[in-house]
Amino acid sequence: MKDFDKDYAFATLQIEKTVESMPSKLLIRESGFDKNLNKSSLSDTGKLKKIYKLQQELSDKIAPNTHCQKGCSHCCHYNVDILDIEAELISQTYGIQIKNPATLFEPQPTGNQRGNANFHGQVCGFLKDNQCSIYQARPFMCRKLASFMPDEHWCHSDINEEIDMPHIAFSEINLAYARLIEHHETRDIRQWFEQPAQINPTTQKAVDQIPVIEIH
């Protein structure tokens, strides 16, 4: 029988250790990130790519202290709200069409007409062979998610909807993303694209060799 309180305490300690081990220069850069990005003349898509780049740097430092690894796909069964510009980036990068705009506003069977319709427990259409098929252009919500629990038990979608697991949060990068939310439409990723999504294998192979921040 798993002890949630014990595992929660373990995760909290892991988060503390992770923050303490982060390079000071990276933390200083993150602390001024929102202010600097907000002053820039970049397009919102350009700002989004800057957010992705910094999040990747943070995630690289976080990774050794989590049990998350390639082939673990429990989080691909969670709600994933993404911006319209994130959907557009996925569409442009992998050559797949966004749904007809009219269908984006159709009421969902377990939610409402906004992006927060409940898809918890439903697999993301981009999960192929237990791996993300749009990894290079994956949304911010996917990039920042990491579990610090001792194993994958609490990550199962049929367990964790009713629990609150501790997560690491960097305020400035989250604030920068929140500024984009103010000006863009948000929907669950399953609402933006047909499910399951179809990607040309040749396109995917070519794209997967290029960091998304270099894709224009």
C-alpha atoms as a PDB file:
ATOM      1  CA  MET A   1       0.000   0.000   0.000  1.00  0.00           C
ATOM      2  CA  LYS A   2       1.514   3.310  -1.072  1.00  0.00           C
ATOM      3  CA  ASP A   3       1.783   6.045   1.551  1.00  0.00           C
ATOM      4  CA  PHE A   4       0.925   9.348  -0.138  1.00  0.00           C
ATOM      5  CA  ASP A   5       2.106  11.533   2.749  1.00  0.00           C
ATOM      6  CA  LYS A   6       5.473   9.778   2.797  1.00  0.00           C
ATOM      7  CA  ASP A   7       5.895  10.078  -0.967  1.00  0.00           C
ATOM      8  CA  TYR A   8       4.764  13.717  -0.857  1.00  0.00           C
ATOM      9  CA  ALA A   9       7.447  14.474   1.731  1.00  0.00           C
ATOM     10  CA  PHE A  10      10.016  12.720  -0.467  1.00  0.00           C
ATOM     11  CA  ALA A  11       8.988  14.828  -3.473  1.00  0.00           C
ATOM     12  CA  THR A  12       9.116  18.052  -1.467  1.00  0.00           C
ATOM     13  CA  LEU A  13      12.659  17.243  -0.392  1.00  0.00           C
ATOM     14  CA  GLN A  14      13.630  16.443  -3.977  1.00  0.00           C
ATOM     15  CA  ILE A  15      12.300  19.812  -5.112  1.00  0.00           C
ATOM     16  CA  GLU A  16      14.296  21.599  -2.436  1.00  0.00           C
ATOM     17  CA  LYS A  17      17.460  19.751  -3.475  1.00  0.00           C
ATOM     18  CA  THR A  18      16.776  20.516  -7.119  1.00  0.00           C
ATOM     19  CA  VAL A  19      16.388  24.260  -6.537  1.00  0.00           C
ATOM     20  CA  GLU A  20      19.556  24.322  -4.408  1.00  0.00           C
ATOM     21  CA  SER A  21      21.509  22.601  -7.182  1.00  0.00           C
ATOM     22  CA  MET A  22      20.354  24.945  -9.958  1.00  0.00           C
ATOM     23  CA  PRO A  23      23.132  27.137 -11.410  1.00  0.00           C
ATOM     24  CA  SER A  24      22.885  30.632  -9.950  1.00  0.00           C
ATOM     25  CA  LYS A  25      23.305  32.267 -13.372  1.00  0.00           C
ATOM     26  CA  LEU A  26      20.310  30.328 -14.689  1.00  0.00           C
ATOM     27  CA  LEU A  27      18.158  31.311 -11.707  1.00  0.00           C
ATOM     28  CA  ILE A  28      19.172  34.963 -12.062  1.00  0.00           C
ATOM     29  CA  ARG A  29      18.278  34.870 -15.747  1.00  0.00           C
ATOM     30  CA  GLU A  30      14.904  33.307 -14.923  1.00  0.00           C
ATOM     31  CA  SER A  31      14.244  35.933 -12.248  1.00  0.00           C
ATOM     32  CA  GLY A  32      14.361  38.718 -14.834  1.00  0.00           C
ATOM     33  CA  PHE A  33      12.902  36.743 -17.707  1.00  0.00           C
ATOM     34  CA  ASP A  34       9.345  38.083 -17.752  1.00  0.00           C
ATOM     35  CA  LYS A  35      10.434  41.709 -17.469  1.00  0.00           C
ATOM     36  CA  ASN A  36      12.970  41.379 -20.281  1.00  0.00           C
ATOM     37  CA  LEU A  37      10.665  39.393 -22.541  1.00  0.00           C
ATOM     38  CA  ASN A  38       7.804  41.813 -21.996  1.00  0.00           C
ATOM     39  CA  LYS A  39      10.017  44.697 -23.155  1.00  0.00           C
ATOM     40  CA  SER A  40      11.169  42.893 -26.295  1.00  0.00           C
ATOM     41  CA  SER A  41       9.824  43.602 -29.772  1.00  0.00           C
ATOM     42  CA  LEU A  42       9.462  39.912 -30.598  1.00  0.00           C
ATOM     43  CA  SER A  43       6.206  38.568 -31.972  1.00  0.00           C
ATOM     44  CA  ASP A  44       4.173  36.444 -29.577  1.00  0.00           C
ATOM     45  CA  THR A  45       5.401  33.334 -31.399  1.00  0.00           C
ATOM     46  CA  GLY A  46       8.957  34.586 -30.959  1.00  0.00           C
ATOM     47  CA  LYS A  47       8.301  35.103 -27.249  1.00  0.00           C
ATOM     48  CA  LEU A  48       6.841  31.617 -27.029  1.00  0.00           C
ATOM     49  CA  LYS A  49      10.024  30.157 -28.511  1.00  0.00           C
ATOM     50  CA  LYS A  50      12.090  32.087 -25.943  1.00  0.00           C
ATOM     51  CA  ILE A  51       9.896  30.571 -23.218  1.00  0.00           C
ATOM     52  CA  TYR A  52      10.448  27.113 -24.693  1.00  0.00           C
ATOM     53  CA  LYS A  53      14.216  27.626 -24.815  1.00  0.00           C
ATOM     54  CA  LEU A  54      14.497  28.731 -21.188  1.00  0.00           C
ATOM     55  CA  GLN A  55      12.166  25.973 -20.021  1.00  0.00           C
ATOM     56  CA  GLN A  56      14.385  23.430 -21.784  1.00  0.00           C
ATOM     57  CA  GLU A  57      17.411  24.743 -19.899  1.00  0.00           C
ATOM     58  CA  LEU A  58      15.514  24.505 -16.608  1.00  0.00           C
ATOM     59  CA  SER A  59      14.203  21.031 -17.447  1.00  0.00           C
ATOM     60  CA  ASP A  60      17.696  19.787 -18.266  1.00  0.00           C
ATOM     61  CA  LYS A  61      18.780  20.678 -14.728  1.00  0.00           C
ATOM     62  CA  ILE A  62      15.617  19.250 -13.176  1.00  0.00           C
ATOM     63  CA  ALA A  63      15.690  15.912 -15.010  1.00  0.00           C
ATOM     64  CA  PRO A  64      18.291  14.086 -12.849  1.00  0.00           C
ATOM     65  CA  ASN A  65      16.058  14.538  -9.784  1.00  0.00           C
ATOM     66  CA  THR A  66      12.867  13.134 -11.291  1.00  0.00           C
ATOM     67  CA  HIS A  67      11.859   9.606 -12.291  1.00  0.00           C
ATOM     68  CA  CYS A  68      10.443  10.891 -15.596  1.00  0.00           C
ATOM     69  CA  GLN A  69      11.981   9.103 -18.555  1.00  0.00           C
ATOM     70  CA  LYS A  70      11.434   8.308 -22.210  1.00  0.00           C
ATOM     71  CA  GLY A  71       8.582   5.839 -22.646  1.00  0.00           C
ATOM     72  CA  CYS A  72       6.668   6.956 -19.549  1.00  0.00           C
ATOM     73  CA  SER A  73       3.439   8.448 -20.860  1.00  0.00           C
ATOM     74  CA  HIS A  74       1.081   8.840 -17.909  1.00  0.00           C
ATOM     75  CA  CYS A  75       1.093  12.626 -18.302  1.00  0.00           C
ATOM     76  CA  CYS A  76      -0.113  12.184 -21.896  1.00  0.00           C
ATOM     77  CA  HIS A  77      -3.489  11.275 -20.389  1.00  0.00           C
ATOM     78  CA  TYR A  78      -3.914  14.618 -18.582  1.00  0.00           C
ATOM     79  CA  ASN A  79      -5.655  17.811 -19.645  1.00  0.00           C
ATOM     80  CA  VAL A  80      -3.251  19.887 -21.758  1.00  0.00           C
ATOM     81  CA  ASP A  81      -4.474  23.421 -22.442  1.00  0.00           C
ATOM     82  CA  ILE A  82      -2.472  25.118 -25.197  1.00  0.00           C
ATOM     83  CA  LEU A  83      -2.543  28.520 -26.887  1.00  0.00           C
ATOM     84  CA  ASP A  84      -3.630  29.073 -30.462  1.00  0.00           C
ATOM     85  CA  ILE A  85      -0.044  30.048 -31.342  1.00  0.00           C
ATOM     86  CA  GLU A  86       1.175  26.755 -29.891  1.00  0.00           C
ATOM     87  CA  ALA A  87      -1.334  24.904 -32.043  1.00  0.00           C
ATOM     88  CA  GLU A  88      -0.153  26.918 -35.039  1.00  0.00           C
ATOM     89  CA  LEU A  89       3.480  26.085 -34.286  1.00  0.00           C
ATOM     90  CA  ILE A  90       2.655  22.380 -34.096  1.00  0.00           C
ATOM     91  CA  SER A  91       0.676  22.661 -37.333  1.00  0.00           C
ATOM     92  CA  GLN A  92       3.442  24.509 -39.197  1.00  0.00           C
ATOM     93  CA  THR A  93       6.231  22.317 -37.834  1.00  0.00           C
ATOM     94  CA  TYR A  94       4.662  18.953 -38.580  1.00  0.00           C
ATOM     95  CA  GLY A  95       2.381  19.831 -41.494  1.00  0.00           C
ATOM     96  CA  ILE A  96      -0.889  18.892 -39.813  1.00  0.00           C
ATOM     97  CA  GLN A  97      -4.112  20.861 -39.989  1.00  0.00           C
ATOM     98  CA  ILE A  98      -5.836  22.572 -37.105  1.00  0.00           C
ATOM     99  CA  LYS A  99      -9.509  21.690 -36.815  1.00  0.00           C
ATOM    100  CA  ASN A 100     -12.098  23.807 -38.541  1.00  0.00           C
ATOM    101  CA  PRO A 101     -12.470  26.880 -36.249  1.00  0.00           C
ATOM    102  CA  ALA A 102     -16.222  26.343 -36.027  1.00  0.00           C
ATOM    103  CA  THR A 103     -15.736  22.964 -34.346  1.00  0.00           C
ATOM    104  CA  LEU A 104     -13.442  24.399 -31.665  1.00  0.00           C
ATOM    105  CA  PHE A 105     -16.421  26.007 -29.979  1.00  0.00           C
ATOM    106  CA  GLU A 106     -18.669  22.964 -29.961  1.00  0.00           C
ATOM    107  CA  PRO A 107     -19.715  22.023 -26.388  1.00  0.00           C
ATOM    108  CA  GLN A 108     -17.716  19.151 -24.952  1.00  0.00           C
ATOM    109  CA  PRO A 109     -19.490  16.165 -23.356  1.00  0.00           C
ATOM    110  CA  THR A 110     -17.664  16.571 -20.044  1.00  0.00           C
ATOM    111  CA  GLY A 111     -16.912  20.270 -20.031  1.00  0.00           C
ATOM    112  CA  ASN A 112     -17.921  23.593 -21.489  1.00  0.00           C
ATOM    113  CA  GLN A 113     -17.088  25.574 -24.616  1.00  0.00           C
ATOM    114  CA  ARG A 114     -13.723  26.829 -23.361  1.00  0.00           C
ATOM    115  CA  GLY A 115     -10.340  25.131 -23.407  1.00  0.00           C
ATOM    116  CA  ASN A 116     -10.785  23.720 -19.932  1.00  0.00           C
ATOM    117  CA  ALA A 117     -13.086  20.901 -21.057  1.00  0.00           C
ATOM    118  CA  ASN A 118     -12.175  17.797 -19.088  1.00  0.00           C
ATOM    119  CA  PHE A 119     -10.124  15.289 -21.073  1.00  0.00           C
ATOM    120  CA  HIS A 120      -8.400  13.771 -18.034  1.00  0.00           C
ATOM    121  CA  GLY A 121      -7.810  10.084 -18.668  1.00  0.00           C
ATOM    122  CA  GLN A 122      -8.110  10.435 -22.449  1.00  0.00           C
ATOM    123  CA  VAL A 123      -4.882   9.784 -24.337  1.00  0.00           C
ATOM    124  CA  CYS A 124      -3.354  12.612 -26.369  1.00  0.00           C
ATOM    125  CA  GLY A 125      -3.653  11.918 -30.090  1.00  0.00           C
ATOM    126  CA  PHE A 126       0.036  12.674 -30.566  1.00  0.00           C
ATOM    127  CA  LEU A 127       1.182   9.773 -28.374  1.00  0.00           C
ATOM    128  CA  LYS A 128       2.651   7.103 -30.653  1.00  0.00           C
ATOM    129  CA  ASP A 129       4.289   3.937 -29.326  1.00  0.00           C
ATOM    130  CA  ASN A 130       4.426   5.513 -25.866  1.00  0.00           C
ATOM    131  CA  GLN A 131       6.377   8.495 -27.167  1.00  0.00           C
ATOM    132  CA  CYS A 132       5.432  12.064 -28.094  1.00  0.00           C
ATOM    133  CA  SER A 133       5.297  12.395 -31.880  1.00  0.00           C
ATOM    134  CA  ILE A 134       5.502  16.220 -31.708  1.00  0.00           C
ATOM    135  CA  TYR A 135       8.267  16.359 -29.119  1.00  0.00           C
ATOM    136  CA  GLN A 136      10.180  19.200 -30.788  1.00  0.00           C
ATOM    137  CA  ALA A 137       7.083  21.417 -30.803  1.00  0.00           C
ATOM    138  CA  ARG A 138       5.381  20.113 -27.666  1.00  0.00           C
ATOM    139  CA  PRO A 139       3.431  22.733 -25.669  1.00  0.00           C
ATOM    140  CA  PHE A 140       4.681  24.621 -22.630  1.00  0.00           C
ATOM    141  CA  MET A 141       2.403  22.657 -20.302  1.00  0.00           C
ATOM    142  CA  CYS A 142       4.131  19.453 -21.377  1.00  0.00           C
ATOM    143  CA  ARG A 143       7.620  20.941 -21.219  1.00  0.00           C
ATOM    144  CA  LYS A 144       7.369  22.093 -17.620  1.00  0.00           C
ATOM    145  CA  LEU A 145       5.657  19.042 -16.158  1.00  0.00           C
ATOM    146  CA  ALA A 146       7.847  16.794 -13.995  1.00  0.00           C
ATOM    147  CA  SER A 147       7.124  14.428 -11.141  1.00  0.00           C
ATOM    148  CA  PHE A 148       9.326  14.334  -8.060  1.00  0.00           C
ATOM    149  CA  MET A 149       7.476  11.432  -6.447  1.00  0.00           C
ATOM    150  CA  PRO A 150       9.642   8.335  -5.843  1.00  0.00           C
ATOM    151  CA  ASP A 151       8.029   6.363  -8.684  1.00  0.00           C
ATOM    152  CA  GLU A 152       5.270   6.536 -11.289  1.00  0.00           C
ATOM    153  CA  HIS A 153       2.477   5.227  -9.057  1.00  0.00           C
ATOM    154  CA  TRP A 154       0.875   8.610  -8.384  1.00  0.00           C
ATOM    155  CA  CYS A 155       1.194   9.652 -12.039  1.00  0.00           C
ATOM    156  CA  HIS A 156      -1.554   7.279 -13.222  1.00  0.00           C
ATOM    157  CA  SER A 157      -4.501   9.318 -14.508  1.00  0.00           C
ATOM    158  CA  ASP A 158      -7.007   7.133 -12.671  1.00  0.00           C
ATOM    159  CA  ILE A 159      -5.317   8.017  -9.376  1.00  0.00           C
ATOM    160  CA  ASN A 160      -3.997  11.559  -9.499  1.00  0.00           C
ATOM    161  CA  GLU A 161      -7.064  13.551 -10.541  1.00  0.00           C
ATOM    162  CA  GLU A 162      -8.097  13.793  -6.908  1.00  0.00           C
ATOM    163  CA  ILE A 163      -4.644  14.436  -5.404  1.00  0.00           C
ATOM    164  CA  ASP A 164      -2.311  17.412  -5.427  1.00  0.00           C
ATOM    165  CA  MET A 165       1.283  16.401  -6.096  1.00  0.00           C
ATOM    166  CA  PRO A 166       4.102  18.864  -5.408  1.00  0.00           C
ATOM    167  CA  HIS A 167       5.602  20.450  -8.514  1.00  0.00           C
ATOM    168  CA  ILE A 168       8.460  22.824  -9.082  1.00  0.00           C
ATOM    169  CA  ALA A 169       7.377  26.245 -10.333  1.00  0.00           C
ATOM    170  CA  PHE A 170       9.455  29.094 -11.691  1.00  0.00           C
ATOM    171  CA  SER A 171       7.413  32.261 -11.267  1.00  0.00           C
ATOM    172  CA  GLU A 172       8.872  34.459 -14.000  1.00  0.00           C
ATOM    173  CA  ILE A 173       8.643  31.997 -16.880  1.00  0.00           C
ATOM    174  CA  ASN A 174       5.103  31.126 -15.797  1.00  0.00           C
ATOM    175  CA  LEU A 175       4.244  34.832 -15.688  1.00  0.00           C
ATOM    176  CA  ALA A 176       5.661  35.318 -19.187  1.00  0.00           C
ATOM    177  CA  TYR A 177       3.451  32.503 -20.468  1.00  0.00           C
ATOM    178  CA  ALA A 178       0.464  33.917 -18.583  1.00  0.00           C
ATOM    179  CA  ARG A 179       0.907  37.209 -20.464  1.00  0.00           C
ATOM    180  CA  LEU A 180       0.460  35.306 -23.718  1.00  0.00           C
ATOM    181  CA  ILE A 181      -2.693  33.667 -22.369  1.00  0.00           C
ATOM    182  CA  GLU A 182      -4.215  37.140 -21.980  1.00  0.00           C
ATOM    183  CA  HIS A 183      -4.099  37.691 -25.737  1.00  0.00           C
ATOM    184  CA  HIS A 184      -4.700  34.231 -27.168  1.00  0.00           C
ATOM    185  CA  GLU A 185      -7.354  31.535 -27.365  1.00  0.00           C
ATOM    186  CA  THR A 186      -6.806  28.485 -25.171  1.00  0.00           C
ATOM    187  CA  ARG A 187      -8.115  24.981 -25.817  1.00  0.00           C
ATOM    188  CA  ASP A 188      -7.105  21.475 -24.843  1.00  0.00           C
ATOM    189  CA  ILE A 189      -4.710  20.028 -27.418  1.00  0.00           C
ATOM    190  CA  ARG A 190      -7.338  17.411 -28.309  1.00  0.00           C
ATOM    191  CA  GLN A 191      -9.690  20.201 -29.377  1.00  0.00           C
ATOM    192  CA  TRP A 192      -7.213  21.815 -31.745  1.00  0.00           C
ATOM    193  CA  PHE A 193      -6.415  18.656 -33.712  1.00  0.00           C
ATOM    194  CA  GLU A 194      -8.240  15.588 -34.960  1.00  0.00           C
ATOM    195  CA  GLN A 195      -7.736  12.527 -32.776  1.00  0.00           C
ATOM    196  CA  PRO A 196      -5.687  10.489 -33.368  1.00  0.00           C
ATOM    197  CA  ALA A 197      -3.466  12.916 -35.232  1.00  0.00           C
ATOM    198  CA  GLN A 198      -1.726  11.822 -38.414  1.00  0.00           C
ATOM    199  CA  ILE A 199       1.819  13.015 -39.148  1.00  0.00           C
ATOM    200  CA  ASN A 200       3.762  12.255 -42.314  1.00  0.00           C
ATOM    201  CA  PRO A 201       6.639   9.961 -41.176  1.00  0.00           C
ATOM    202  CA  THR A 202       9.133  11.670 -43.498  1.00  0.00           C
ATOM    203  CA  THR A 203       8.230  15.098 -42.122  1.00  0.00           C
ATOM    204  CA  GLN A 204       8.455  13.864 -38.554  1.00  0.00           C
ATOM    205  CA  LYS A 205      11.885  12.305 -39.080  1.00  0.00           C
ATOM    206  CA  ALA A 206      13.217  15.536 -40.602  1.00  0.00           C
ATOM    207  CA  VAL A 207      11.734  17.802 -37.940  1.00  0.00           C
ATOM    208  CA  ASP A 208      12.880  15.676 -35.016  1.00  0.00           C
ATOM    209  CA  GLN A 209      16.477  16.477 -35.885  1.00  0.00           C
ATOM    210  CA  ILE A 210      15.925  20.242 -35.483  1.00  0.00           C
ATOM    211  CA  PRO A 211      15.380  22.100 -32.179  1.00  0.00           C
ATOM    212  CA  VAL A 212      12.022  23.872 -32.359  1.00  0.00           C
ATOM    213  CA  ILE A 213      13.626  27.196 -31.377  1.00  0.00           C
ATOM    214  CA  GLU A 214      15.409  27.154 -34.749  1.00  0.00           C
ATOM    215  CA  ILE A 215      12.216  26.565 -36.723  1.00  0.00           C
ATOM    216  CA  HIS A 216      10.819  29.777 -38.238  1.00  0.00           C
END
